Amino acid sequence: MNAALKNSGTDWYLGEQSLADPYLYVLCRRTEQTALSIDDYPALKAHRQHMEEDEGIKIALERQGMESIDGTQSG
C-alpha cells in the first residue's frame, strides 16, 4: 500500500480522492496497535496526516470521541 500510494503521484490512494482513502486512514490508525511502525511507511504516514486535516475525518473522530494521532482532541 505504501508503494501504491507513493506511486500514485498524488495525496490519494487511487490518484484522486475516493472511498479508499478514509478506509486506508482507518487501517493506518490501526498500525499503532500492532508491532509495525508507521515510520517505516512514509507515504502512509503522510496520507494519515493529510486525512486528519479532512473535515469528514474530523467530524467522524469527534462523533466517536476519538483523538487524532497527534493527540489533538476533535471538536
C-alpha atoms as a PDB file:
ATOM      1  CA  MET A   1       0.000   0.000   0.000  1.00  0.00           C
ATOM      2  CA  ASN A   2       2.878   2.351   0.784  1.00  0.00           C
ATOM      3  CA  ALA A   3       4.352   1.858  -2.701  1.00  0.00           C
ATOM      4  CA  ALA A   4       0.968   2.229  -4.414  1.00  0.00           C
ATOM      5  CA  LEU A   5       0.296   5.479  -2.582  1.00  0.00           C
ATOM      6  CA  LYS A   6       3.788   6.762  -3.310  1.00  0.00           C
ATOM      7  CA  ASN A   7       3.460   5.830  -6.991  1.00  0.00           C
ATOM      8  CA  SER A   8       0.029   7.468  -7.324  1.00  0.00           C
ATOM      9  CA  GLY A   9       1.786  10.828  -7.539  1.00  0.00           C
ATOM     10  CA  THR A  10      -0.990  12.456  -5.500  1.00  0.00           C
ATOM     11  CA  ASP A  11      -2.226  12.608  -1.914  1.00  0.00           C
ATOM     12  CA  TRP A  12      -4.858  10.000  -2.788  1.00  0.00           C
ATOM     13  CA  TYR A  13      -4.506   6.221  -2.889  1.00  0.00           C
ATOM     14  CA  LEU A  14      -6.153   5.785  -6.300  1.00  0.00           C
ATOM     15  CA  GLY A  15      -4.790   9.008  -7.769  1.00  0.00           C
ATOM     16  CA  GLU A  16      -7.883  11.005  -6.861  1.00  0.00           C
ATOM     17  CA  GLN A  17      -9.949  11.190  -3.689  1.00  0.00           C
ATOM     18  CA  SER A  18     -12.201   8.156  -3.286  1.00  0.00           C
ATOM     19  CA  LEU A  19     -13.788   5.928  -0.654  1.00  0.00           C
ATOM     20  CA  ALA A  20     -10.478   4.073  -0.470  1.00  0.00           C
ATOM     21  CA  ASP A  21      -8.853   6.998   1.353  1.00  0.00           C
ATOM     22  CA  PRO A  22     -10.927   7.011   4.561  1.00  0.00           C
ATOM     23  CA  TYR A  23     -10.629   3.218   4.691  1.00  0.00           C
ATOM     24  CA  LEU A  24      -6.860   3.466   4.292  1.00  0.00           C
ATOM     25  CA  TYR A  25      -6.850   6.074   7.063  1.00  0.00           C
ATOM     26  CA  VAL A  26      -8.566   3.605   9.409  1.00  0.00           C
ATOM     27  CA  LEU A  27      -6.006   0.935   8.545  1.00  0.00           C
ATOM     28  CA  CYS A  28      -3.157   3.377   9.146  1.00  0.00           C
ATOM     29  CA  ARG A  29      -4.598   4.282  12.547  1.00  0.00           C
ATOM     30  CA  ARG A  30      -4.695   0.608  13.460  1.00  0.00           C
ATOM     31  CA  THR A  31      -0.983   0.335  12.730  1.00  0.00           C
ATOM     32  CA  GLU A  32      -0.479   1.960  16.139  1.00  0.00           C
ATOM     33  CA  GLN A  33      -1.992  -1.186  17.709  1.00  0.00           C
ATOM     34  CA  THR A  34       0.497  -3.548  16.037  1.00  0.00           C
ATOM     35  CA  ALA A  35       4.204  -4.229  16.192  1.00  0.00           C
ATOM     36  CA  LEU A  36       4.580  -2.316  12.905  1.00  0.00           C
ATOM     37  CA  SER A  37       5.809   1.272  12.888  1.00  0.00           C
ATOM     38  CA  ILE A  38       4.123   3.806  10.606  1.00  0.00           C
ATOM     39  CA  ASP A  39       7.542   5.482  10.384  1.00  0.00           C
ATOM     40  CA  ASP A  40       8.617   2.570   8.162  1.00  0.00           C
ATOM     41  CA  TYR A  41       5.917   3.596   5.664  1.00  0.00           C
ATOM     42  CA  PRO A  42       6.432   7.301   4.926  1.00  0.00           C
ATOM     43  CA  ALA A  43       3.771   7.579   2.208  1.00  0.00           C
ATOM     44  CA  LEU A  44       1.164   6.003   4.502  1.00  0.00           C
ATOM     45  CA  LYS A  45       2.206   8.257   7.377  1.00  0.00           C
ATOM     46  CA  ALA A  46       1.848  11.340   5.158  1.00  0.00           C
ATOM     47  CA  HIS A  47      -1.557  10.092   3.962  1.00  0.00           C
ATOM     48  CA  ARG A  48      -2.719   9.599   7.550  1.00  0.00           C
ATOM     49  CA  GLN A  49      -1.626  13.126   8.446  1.00  0.00           C
ATOM     50  CA  HIS A  50      -3.297  14.514   5.324  1.00  0.00           C
ATOM     51  CA  MET A  51      -6.542  12.712   6.108  1.00  0.00           C
ATOM     52  CA  GLU A  52      -6.602  14.123   9.652  1.00  0.00           C
ATOM     53  CA  GLU A  53      -6.970  17.557   8.041  1.00  0.00           C
ATOM     54  CA  ASP A  54     -10.095  16.386   6.187  1.00  0.00           C
ATOM     55  CA  GLU A  55     -13.336  17.829   7.589  1.00  0.00           C
ATOM     56  CA  GLY A  56     -15.150  14.497   7.265  1.00  0.00           C
ATOM     57  CA  ILE A  57     -12.465  12.725   9.269  1.00  0.00           C
ATOM     58  CA  LYS A  58     -12.546  15.465  11.907  1.00  0.00           C
ATOM     59  CA  ILE A  59     -16.326  15.068  12.231  1.00  0.00           C
ATOM     60  CA  ALA A  60     -16.074  11.269  12.450  1.00  0.00           C
ATOM     61  CA  LEU A  61     -13.393  11.464  15.152  1.00  0.00           C
ATOM     62  CA  GLU A  62     -15.439  13.994  17.110  1.00  0.00           C
ATOM     63  CA  ARG A  63     -18.607  11.902  16.941  1.00  0.00           C
ATOM     64  CA  GLN A  64     -16.701   8.889  18.203  1.00  0.00           C
ATOM     65  CA  GLY A  65     -14.923  10.826  20.953  1.00  0.00           C
ATOM     66  CA  MET A  66     -11.565   9.988  19.409  1.00  0.00           C
ATOM     67  CA  GLU A  67      -8.382  11.989  19.086  1.00  0.00           C
ATOM     68  CA  SER A  68      -6.226  12.494  16.051  1.00  0.00           C
ATOM     69  CA  ILE A  69      -2.973  10.541  16.050  1.00  0.00           C
ATOM     70  CA  ASP A  70      -1.045  13.674  17.083  1.00  0.00           C
ATOM     71  CA  GLY A  71      -3.239  13.789  20.193  1.00  0.00           C
ATOM     72  CA  THR A  72      -5.427  16.727  19.212  1.00  0.00           C
ATOM     73  CA  GLN A  73      -8.944  16.256  20.537  1.00  0.00           C
ATOM     74  CA  SER A  74     -11.526  16.720  17.826  1.00  0.00           C
ATOM     75  CA  GLY A  75     -14.230  19.307  18.338  1.00  0.00           C
END
